[in-house]
Amino acid sequence: QQSHSIVGTVPPQHMYGFESTVLLALHGGCACWAGR
């Protein structure tokens, strides 16, 4: 419903970080912060 800016404290290589930061930026309409 609304795009969010994602800040993640978990690494992108971990399944949770992979899904909820990287994939959510690619196909969830969001944009991720590059840092961890």
PDB file of all heavy atoms in Angstrom:
ATOM      1  N   GLN A   1       0.810  -1.208   0.000  1.00  0.00           N
ATOM      2  CA  GLN A   1       0.000   0.000   0.000  1.00  0.00           C
ATOM      3  C   GLN A   1       0.850   1.268   0.000  1.00  0.00           C
ATOM      4  O   GLN A   1       0.409   2.318  -0.467  1.00  0.00           O
ATOM      5  CB  GLN A   1      -0.919   0.013   1.234  1.00  0.00           C
ATOM      6  CG  GLN A   1      -1.861  -1.175   1.320  1.00  0.00           C
ATOM      7  CD  GLN A   1      -2.824  -1.225   0.154  1.00  0.00           C
ATOM      8  OE1 GLN A   1      -3.411  -0.209  -0.245  1.00  0.00           O
ATOM      9  NE2 GLN A   1      -2.986  -2.420  -0.418  1.00  0.00           N
ATOM     10  N   GLN A   2       2.064   1.180   0.538  1.00  0.00           N
ATOM     11  CA  GLN A   2       2.936   2.347   0.628  1.00  0.00           C
ATOM     12  C   GLN A   2       4.381   1.899   0.680  1.00  0.00           C
ATOM     13  O   GLN A   2       4.744   1.048   1.490  1.00  0.00           O
ATOM     14  CB  GLN A   2       2.600   3.183   1.866  1.00  0.00           C
ATOM     15  CG  GLN A   2       3.360   4.493   1.946  1.00  0.00           C
ATOM     16  CD  GLN A   2       2.928   5.342   3.128  1.00  0.00           C
ATOM     17  OE1 GLN A   2       2.467   4.818   4.141  1.00  0.00           O
ATOM     18  NE2 GLN A   2       3.049   6.650   3.008  1.00  0.00           N
ATOM     19  N   SER A   3       5.201   2.458  -0.187  1.00  0.00           N
ATOM     20  CA  SER A   3       6.618   2.104  -0.216  1.00  0.00           C
ATOM     21  C   SER A   3       7.310   2.571   1.057  1.00  0.00           C
ATOM     22  O   SER A   3       7.039   3.664   1.559  1.00  0.00           O
ATOM     23  CB  SER A   3       7.290   2.737  -1.433  1.00  0.00           C
ATOM     24  OG  SER A   3       8.681   2.492  -1.433  1.00  0.00           O
ATOM     25  N   HIS A   4       8.186   1.742   1.608  1.00  0.00           N
ATOM     26  CA  HIS A   4       8.943   2.080   2.802  1.00  0.00           C
ATOM     27  C   HIS A   4      10.445   2.085   2.497  1.00  0.00           C
ATOM     28  O   HIS A   4      10.907   1.394   1.590  1.00  0.00           O
ATOM     29  CB  HIS A   4       8.686   1.062   3.920  1.00  0.00           C
ATOM     30  CG  HIS A   4       7.390   1.261   4.633  1.00  0.00           C
ATOM     31  ND1 HIS A   4       6.160   1.186   4.010  1.00  0.00           N
ATOM     32  CD2 HIS A   4       7.125   1.542   5.950  1.00  0.00           C
ATOM     33  CE1 HIS A   4       5.194   1.396   4.895  1.00  0.00           C
ATOM     34  NE2 HIS A   4       5.755   1.610   6.069  1.00  0.00           N
ATOM     35  N   SER A   5      11.179   2.841   3.292  1.00  0.00           N
ATOM     36  CA  SER A   5      12.635   2.801   3.260  1.00  0.00           C
ATOM     37  C   SER A   5      13.083   1.796   4.307  1.00  0.00           C
ATOM     38  O   SER A   5      12.764   1.944   5.486  1.00  0.00           O
ATOM     39  CB  SER A   5      13.223   4.177   3.580  1.00  0.00           C
ATOM     40  OG  SER A   5      12.760   5.158   2.669  1.00  0.00           O
ATOM     41  N   ILE A   6      13.831   0.776   3.881  1.00  0.00           N
ATOM     42  CA  ILE A   6      14.207  -0.321   4.768  1.00  0.00           C
ATOM     43  C   ILE A   6      15.597  -0.085   5.352  1.00  0.00           C
ATOM     44  O   ILE A   6      16.560   0.123   4.619  1.00  0.00           O
ATOM     45  CB  ILE A   6      14.223  -1.662   4.014  1.00  0.00           C
ATOM     46  CG1 ILE A   6      12.876  -1.928   3.340  1.00  0.00           C
ATOM     47  CG2 ILE A   6      14.573  -2.804   4.953  1.00  0.00           C
ATOM     48  CD1 ILE A   6      12.916  -3.106   2.378  1.00  0.00           C
ATOM     49  N   VAL A   7      15.684  -0.143   6.673  1.00  0.00           N
ATOM     50  CA  VAL A   7      16.968  -0.180   7.359  1.00  0.00           C
ATOM     51  C   VAL A   7      17.053  -1.527   8.064  1.00  0.00           C
ATOM     52  O   VAL A   7      16.188  -1.863   8.873  1.00  0.00           O
ATOM     53  CB  VAL A   7      17.112   0.968   8.377  1.00  0.00           C
ATOM     54  CG1 VAL A   7      18.371   0.775   9.232  1.00  0.00           C
ATOM     55  CG2 VAL A   7      17.155   2.313   7.660  1.00  0.00           C
ATOM     56  N   GLY A   8      18.070  -2.322   7.738  1.00  0.00           N
ATOM     57  CA  GLY A   8      18.191  -3.662   8.300  1.00  0.00           C
ATOM     58  C   GLY A   8      19.436  -3.813   9.141  1.00  0.00           C
ATOM     59  O   GLY A   8      20.527  -3.394   8.731  1.00  0.00           O
ATOM     60  N   THR A   9      19.283  -4.415  10.328  1.00  0.00           N
ATOM     61  CA  THR A   9      20.448  -4.693  11.173  1.00  0.00           C
ATOM     62  C   THR A   9      20.978  -6.099  10.962  1.00  0.00           C
ATOM     63  O   THR A   9      21.967  -6.485  11.597  1.00  0.00           O
ATOM     64  CB  THR A   9      20.092  -4.517  12.670  1.00  0.00           C
ATOM     65  OG1 THR A   9      19.146  -5.529  13.055  1.00  0.00           O
ATOM     66  CG2 THR A   9      19.500  -3.145  12.929  1.00  0.00           C
ATOM     67  N   VAL A  10      20.329  -6.875  10.102  1.00  0.00           N
ATOM     68  CA  VAL A  10      20.733  -8.259   9.844  1.00  0.00           C
ATOM     69  C   VAL A  10      21.419  -8.340   8.486  1.00  0.00           C
ATOM     70  O   VAL A  10      21.105  -7.571   7.572  1.00  0.00           O
ATOM     71  CB  VAL A  10      19.519  -9.208   9.880  1.00  0.00           C
ATOM     72  CG1 VAL A  10      19.044  -9.403  11.302  1.00  0.00           C
ATOM     73  CG2 VAL A  10      18.384  -8.679   9.022  1.00  0.00           C
ATOM     74  N   PRO A  11      22.372  -9.250   8.321  1.00  0.00           N
ATOM     75  CA  PRO A  11      23.115  -9.335   7.061  1.00  0.00           C
ATOM     76  C   PRO A  11      22.238  -9.832   5.922  1.00  0.00           C
ATOM     77  O   PRO A  11      21.318 -10.625   6.130  1.00  0.00           O
ATOM     78  CB  PRO A  11      24.245 -10.326   7.371  1.00  0.00           C
ATOM     79  CG  PRO A  11      23.753 -11.129   8.525  1.00  0.00           C
ATOM     80  CD  PRO A  11      22.880 -10.224   9.330  1.00  0.00           C
ATOM     81  N   PRO A  12      22.515  -9.400   4.694  1.00  0.00           N
ATOM     82  CA  PRO A  12      21.702  -9.831   3.549  1.00  0.00           C
ATOM     83  C   PRO A  12      21.908 -11.304   3.216  1.00  0.00           C
ATOM     84  O   PRO A  12      21.070 -11.897   2.529  1.00  0.00           O
ATOM     85  CB  PRO A  12      22.192  -8.936   2.409  1.00  0.00           C
ATOM     86  CG  PRO A  12      23.582  -8.539   2.791  1.00  0.00           C
ATOM     87  CD  PRO A  12      23.562  -8.437   4.288  1.00  0.00           C
ATOM     88  N   GLN A  13      22.996 -11.911   3.695  1.00  0.00           N
ATOM     89  CA  GLN A  13      23.245 -13.328   3.416  1.00  0.00           C
ATOM     90  C   GLN A  13      22.377 -14.247   4.279  1.00  0.00           C
ATOM     91  O   GLN A  13      22.233 -15.421   3.968  1.00  0.00           O
ATOM     92  CB  GLN A  13      24.724 -13.664   3.651  1.00  0.00           C
ATOM     93  CG  GLN A  13      25.679 -13.039   2.654  1.00  0.00           C
ATOM     94  CD  GLN A  13      26.117 -11.634   3.021  1.00  0.00           C
ATOM     95  OE1 GLN A  13      25.655 -11.059   4.012  1.00  0.00           O
ATOM     96  NE2 GLN A  13      27.015 -11.062   2.233  1.00  0.00           N
ATOM     97  N   HIS A  14      21.826 -13.740   5.362  1.00  0.00           N
ATOM     98  CA  HIS A  14      20.954 -14.532   6.222  1.00  0.00           C
ATOM     99  C   HIS A  14      19.553 -14.554   5.618  1.00  0.00           C
ATOM    100  O   HIS A  14      19.084 -13.565   5.065  1.00  0.00           O
ATOM    101  CB  HIS A  14      20.926 -13.927   7.629  1.00  0.00           C
ATOM    102  CG  HIS A  14      20.147 -14.731   8.618  1.00  0.00           C
ATOM    103  ND1 HIS A  14      18.794 -14.584   8.790  1.00  0.00           N
ATOM    104  CD2 HIS A  14      20.526 -15.692   9.482  1.00  0.00           C
ATOM    105  CE1 HIS A  14      18.368 -15.416   9.726  1.00  0.00           C
ATOM    106  NE2 HIS A  14      19.407 -16.106  10.159  1.00  0.00           N
ATOM    107  N   MET A  15      18.840 -15.682   5.728  1.00  0.00           N
ATOM    108  CA  MET A  15      17.554 -15.826   5.051  1.00  0.00           C
ATOM    109  C   MET A  15      16.574 -14.721   5.422  1.00  0.00           C
ATOM    110  O   MET A  15      15.873 -14.186   4.569  1.00  0.00           O
ATOM    111  CB  MET A  15      16.951 -17.209   5.368  1.00  0.00           C
ATOM    112  CG  MET A  15      15.762 -17.576   4.492  1.00  0.00           C
ATOM    113  SD  MET A  15      16.225 -17.736   2.751  1.00  0.00           S
ATOM    114  CE  MET A  15      14.619 -17.760   1.969  1.00  0.00           C
ATOM    115  N   TYR A  16      16.532 -14.351   6.682  1.00  0.00           N
ATOM    116  CA  TYR A  16      15.639 -13.279   7.135  1.00  0.00           C
ATOM    117  C   TYR A  16      16.032 -11.949   6.500  1.00  0.00           C
ATOM    118  O   TYR A  16      15.198 -11.228   5.949  1.00  0.00           O
ATOM    119  CB  TYR A  16      15.692 -13.220   8.663  1.00  0.00           C
ATOM    120  CG  TYR A  16      15.048 -12.026   9.307  1.00  0.00           C
ATOM    121  CD1 TYR A  16      13.788 -11.550   8.920  1.00  0.00           C
ATOM    122  CD2 TYR A  16      15.693 -11.374  10.373  1.00  0.00           C
ATOM    123  CE1 TYR A  16      13.209 -10.464   9.553  1.00  0.00           C
ATOM    124  CE2 TYR A  16      15.113 -10.296  11.016  1.00  0.00           C
ATOM    125  CZ  TYR A  16      13.879  -9.837  10.605  1.00  0.00           C
ATOM    126  OH  TYR A  16      13.302  -8.750  11.229  1.00  0.00           O
ATOM    127  N   GLY A  17      17.330 -11.609   6.548  1.00  0.00           N
ATOM    128  CA  GLY A  17      17.783 -10.382   5.917  1.00  0.00           C
ATOM    129  C   GLY A  17      17.633 -10.406   4.407  1.00  0.00           C
ATOM    130  O   GLY A  17      17.316  -9.393   3.771  1.00  0.00           O
ATOM    131  N   PHE A  18      17.867 -11.573   3.822  1.00  0.00           N
ATOM    132  CA  PHE A  18      17.722 -11.756   2.378  1.00  0.00           C
ATOM    133  C   PHE A  18      16.284 -11.460   1.942  1.00  0.00           C
ATOM    134  O   PHE A  18      16.032 -10.697   1.003  1.00  0.00           O
ATOM    135  CB  PHE A  18      18.121 -13.191   2.034  1.00  0.00           C
ATOM    136  CG  PHE A  18      18.058 -13.552   0.574  1.00  0.00           C
ATOM    137  CD1 PHE A  18      18.729 -12.813  -0.374  1.00  0.00           C
ATOM    138  CD2 PHE A  18      17.336 -14.665   0.160  1.00  0.00           C
ATOM    139  CE1 PHE A  18      18.696 -13.164  -1.723  1.00  0.00           C
ATOM    140  CE2 PHE A  18      17.296 -15.023  -1.174  1.00  0.00           C
ATOM    141  CZ  PHE A  18      17.966 -14.269  -2.117  1.00  0.00           C
ATOM    142  N   GLU A  19      15.314 -12.046   2.662  1.00  0.00           N
ATOM    143  CA  GLU A  19      13.913 -11.850   2.303  1.00  0.00           C
ATOM    144  C   GLU A  19      13.426 -10.444   2.619  1.00  0.00           C
ATOM    145  O   GLU A  19      12.763  -9.809   1.783  1.00  0.00           O
ATOM    146  CB  GLU A  19      13.035 -12.843   3.073  1.00  0.00           C
ATOM    147  CG  GLU A  19      13.164 -14.283   2.638  1.00  0.00           C
ATOM    148  CD  GLU A  19      12.285 -15.189   3.484  1.00  0.00           C
ATOM    149  OE1 GLU A  19      12.197 -14.982   4.709  1.00  0.00           O
ATOM    150  OE2 GLU A  19      11.673 -16.092   2.908  1.00  0.00           O
ATOM    151  N   SER A  20      13.732  -9.966   3.831  1.00  0.00           N
ATOM    152  CA  SER A  20      13.070  -8.771   4.352  1.00  0.00           C
ATOM    153  C   SER A  20      13.778  -7.467   4.037  1.00  0.00           C
ATOM    154  O   SER A  20      13.256  -6.398   4.360  1.00  0.00           O
ATOM    155  CB  SER A  20      12.889  -8.904   5.873  1.00  0.00           C
ATOM    156  OG  SER A  20      12.088 -10.024   6.176  1.00  0.00           O
ATOM    157  N   THR A  21      14.963  -7.538   3.430  1.00  0.00           N
ATOM    158  CA  THR A  21      15.618  -6.311   2.979  1.00  0.00           C
ATOM    159  C   THR A  21      15.870  -6.356   1.469  1.00  0.00           C
ATOM    160  O   THR A  21      15.348  -5.538   0.726  1.00  0.00           O
ATOM    161  CB  THR A  21      16.932  -6.060   3.749  1.00  0.00           C
ATOM    162  OG1 THR A  21      17.861  -7.111   3.510  1.00  0.00           O
ATOM    163  CG2 THR A  21      16.680  -5.934   5.236  1.00  0.00           C
ATOM    164  N   VAL A  22      16.608  -7.352   1.008  1.00  0.00           N
ATOM    165  CA  VAL A  22      16.979  -7.415  -0.413  1.00  0.00           C
ATOM    166  C   VAL A  22      15.772  -7.716  -1.301  1.00  0.00           C
ATOM    167  O   VAL A  22      15.461  -6.964  -2.237  1.00  0.00           O
ATOM    168  CB  VAL A  22      18.083  -8.461  -0.629  1.00  0.00           C
ATOM    169  CG1 VAL A  22      18.390  -8.624  -2.111  1.00  0.00           C
ATOM    170  CG2 VAL A  22      19.337  -8.072   0.133  1.00  0.00           C
ATOM    171  N   LEU A  23      15.068  -8.818  -1.030  1.00  0.00           N
ATOM    172  CA  LEU A  23      13.931  -9.179  -1.881  1.00  0.00           C
ATOM    173  C   LEU A  23      12.783  -8.197  -1.740  1.00  0.00           C
ATOM    174  O   LEU A  23      12.053  -7.926  -2.707  1.00  0.00           O
ATOM    175  CB  LEU A  23      13.463 -10.602  -1.557  1.00  0.00           C
ATOM    176  CG  LEU A  23      14.453 -11.714  -1.905  1.00  0.00           C
ATOM    177  CD1 LEU A  23      13.900 -13.076  -1.481  1.00  0.00           C
ATOM    178  CD2 LEU A  23      14.767 -11.719  -3.393  1.00  0.00           C
ATOM    179  N   LEU A  24      12.604  -7.624  -0.539  1.00  0.00           N
ATOM    180  CA  LEU A  24      11.544  -6.638  -0.357  1.00  0.00           C
ATOM    181  C   LEU A  24      11.843  -5.363  -1.133  1.00  0.00           C
ATOM    182  O   LEU A  24      10.927  -4.647  -1.541  1.00  0.00           O
ATOM    183  CB  LEU A  24      11.380  -6.328   1.134  1.00  0.00           C
ATOM    184  CG  LEU A  24      10.030  -5.767   1.599  1.00  0.00           C
ATOM    185  CD1 LEU A  24       8.871  -6.656   1.166  1.00  0.00           C
ATOM    186  CD2 LEU A  24      10.022  -5.595   3.110  1.00  0.00           C
ATOM    187  N   ALA A  25      13.130  -5.082  -1.360  1.00  0.00           N
ATOM    188  CA  ALA A  25      13.488  -3.948  -2.216  1.00  0.00           C
ATOM    189  C   ALA A  25      13.265  -4.279  -3.691  1.00  0.00           C
ATOM    190  O   ALA A  25      12.838  -3.429  -4.473  1.00  0.00           O
ATOM    191  CB  ALA A  25      14.943  -3.547  -1.978  1.00  0.00           C
ATOM    192  N   LEU A  26      13.542  -5.519  -4.074  1.00  0.00           N
ATOM    193  CA  LEU A  26      13.380  -5.895  -5.482  1.00  0.00           C
ATOM    194  C   LEU A  26      11.922  -6.062  -5.874  1.00  0.00           C
ATOM    195  O   LEU A  26      11.502  -5.613  -6.963  1.00  0.00           O
ATOM    196  CB  LEU A  26      14.134  -7.207  -5.754  1.00  0.00           C
ATOM    197  CG  LEU A  26      15.658  -7.139  -5.756  1.00  0.00           C
ATOM    198  CD1 LEU A  26      16.244  -8.540  -5.885  1.00  0.00           C
ATOM    199  CD2 LEU A  26      16.166  -6.236  -6.878  1.00  0.00           C
ATOM    200  N   HIS A  27      11.119  -6.698  -5.009  1.00  0.00           N
ATOM    201  CA  HIS A  27       9.750  -7.019  -5.411  1.00  0.00           C
ATOM    202  C   HIS A  27       8.693  -6.684  -4.366  1.00  0.00           C
ATOM    203  O   HIS A  27       7.570  -7.174  -4.457  1.00  0.00           O
ATOM    204  CB  HIS A  27       9.652  -8.503  -5.802  1.00  0.00           C
ATOM    205  CG  HIS A  27      10.020  -8.749  -7.226  1.00  0.00           C
ATOM    206  ND1 HIS A  27       9.179  -8.485  -8.284  1.00  0.00           N
ATOM    207  CD2 HIS A  27      11.178  -9.206  -7.780  1.00  0.00           C
ATOM    208  CE1 HIS A  27       9.781  -8.784  -9.419  1.00  0.00           C
ATOM    209  NE2 HIS A  27      11.004  -9.220  -9.142  1.00  0.00           N
ATOM    210  N   GLY A  28       9.024  -5.845  -3.410  1.00  0.00           N
ATOM    211  CA  GLY A  28       8.030  -5.413  -2.431  1.00  0.00           C
ATOM    212  C   GLY A  28       7.729  -3.933  -2.510  1.00  0.00           C
ATOM    213  O   GLY A  28       7.058  -3.381  -1.633  1.00  0.00           O
ATOM    214  N   GLY A  29       8.247  -3.266  -3.548  1.00  0.00           N
ATOM    215  CA  GLY A  29       7.974  -1.848  -3.710  1.00  0.00           C
ATOM    216  C   GLY A  29       8.737  -0.950  -2.760  1.00  0.00           C
ATOM    217  O   GLY A  29       8.414   0.229  -2.629  1.00  0.00           O
ATOM    218  N   CYS A  30       9.757  -1.469  -2.088  1.00  0.00           N
ATOM    219  CA  CYS A  30      10.510  -0.701  -1.088  1.00  0.00           C
ATOM    220  C   CYS A  30      11.907  -0.370  -1.608  1.00  0.00           C
ATOM    221  O   CYS A  30      12.310  -0.812  -2.680  1.00  0.00           O
ATOM    222  CB  CYS A  30      10.605  -1.490   0.211  1.00  0.00           C
ATOM    223  SG  CYS A  30       9.007  -1.808   1.006  1.00  0.00           S
ATOM    224  N   ALA A  31      12.631   0.413  -0.825  1.00  0.00           N
ATOM    225  CA  ALA A  31      14.023   0.735  -1.126  1.00  0.00           C
ATOM    226  C   ALA A  31      14.843   0.488   0.123  1.00  0.00           C
ATOM    227  O   ALA A  31      14.411   0.818   1.236  1.00  0.00           O
ATOM    228  CB  ALA A  31      14.159   2.192  -1.573  1.00  0.00           C
ATOM    229  N   CYS A  32      16.032  -0.112  -0.026  1.00  0.00           N
ATOM    230  CA  CYS A  32      16.822  -0.483   1.152  1.00  0.00           C
ATOM    231  C   CYS A  32      18.013   0.449   1.354  1.00  0.00           C
ATOM    232  O   CYS A  32      18.561   0.998   0.397  1.00  0.00           O
ATOM    233  CB  CYS A  32      17.303  -1.930   1.047  1.00  0.00           C
ATOM    234  SG  CYS A  32      18.512  -2.238  -0.254  1.00  0.00           S
ATOM    235  N   TRP A  33      18.375   0.642   2.621  1.00  0.00           N
ATOM    236  CA  TRP A  33      19.601   1.355   2.984  1.00  0.00           C
ATOM    237  C   TRP A  33      20.770   0.405   2.776  1.00  0.00           C
ATOM    238  O   TRP A  33      20.714  -0.758   3.153  1.00  0.00           O
ATOM    239  CB  TRP A  33      19.525   1.821   4.430  1.00  0.00           C
ATOM    240  CG  TRP A  33      20.797   2.399   4.976  1.00  0.00           C
ATOM    241  CD1 TRP A  33      21.568   1.883   5.968  1.00  0.00           C
ATOM    242  CD2 TRP A  33      21.449   3.608   4.556  1.00  0.00           C
ATOM    243  NE1 TRP A  33      22.667   2.687   6.201  1.00  0.00           N
ATOM    244  CE2 TRP A  33      22.617   3.753   5.347  1.00  0.00           C
ATOM    245  CE3 TRP A  33      21.173   4.573   3.596  1.00  0.00           C
ATOM    246  CZ2 TRP A  33      23.486   4.827   5.208  1.00  0.00           C
ATOM    247  CZ3 TRP A  33      22.045   5.641   3.440  1.00  0.00           C
ATOM    248  CH2 TRP A  33      23.183   5.771   4.235  1.00  0.00           C
ATOM    249  N   ALA A  34      21.851   0.904   2.168  1.00  0.00           N
ATOM    250  CA  ALA A  34      22.963   0.045   1.763  1.00  0.00           C
ATOM    251  C   ALA A  34      23.749  -0.512   2.942  1.00  0.00           C
ATOM    252  O   ALA A  34      24.354  -1.576   2.832  1.00  0.00           O
ATOM    253  CB  ALA A  34      23.901   0.808   0.829  1.00  0.00           C
ATOM    254  N   GLY A  35      23.748   0.180   4.057  1.00  0.00           N
ATOM    255  CA  GLY A  35      24.563  -0.249   5.179  1.00  0.00           C
ATOM    256  C   GLY A  35      23.899  -1.319   6.023  1.00  0.00           C
ATOM    257  O   GLY A  35      22.734  -1.667   5.838  1.00  0.00           O
ATOM    258  N   ARG A  36      24.678  -1.852   6.962  1.00  0.00           N
ATOM    259  CA  ARG A  36      24.139  -2.795   7.947  1.00  0.00           C
ATOM    260  C   ARG A  36      24.535  -2.294   9.329  1.00  0.00           C
ATOM    261  O   ARG A  36      25.505  -2.739   9.933  1.00  0.00           O
ATOM    262  CB  ARG A  36      24.662  -4.209   7.706  1.00  0.00           C
ATOM    263  CG  ARG A  36      24.084  -5.225   8.697  1.00  0.00           C
ATOM    264  CD  ARG A  36      24.391  -6.644   8.285  1.00  0.00           C
ATOM    265  NE  ARG A  36      25.800  -6.981   8.327  1.00  0.00           N
ATOM    266  CZ  ARG A  36      26.436  -7.416   9.414  1.00  0.00           C
ATOM    267  NH1 ARG A  36      25.799  -7.506  10.551  1.00  0.00           N
ATOM    268  NH2 ARG A  36      27.712  -7.741   9.353  1.00  0.00           N
TER     269      ARG A  36
END
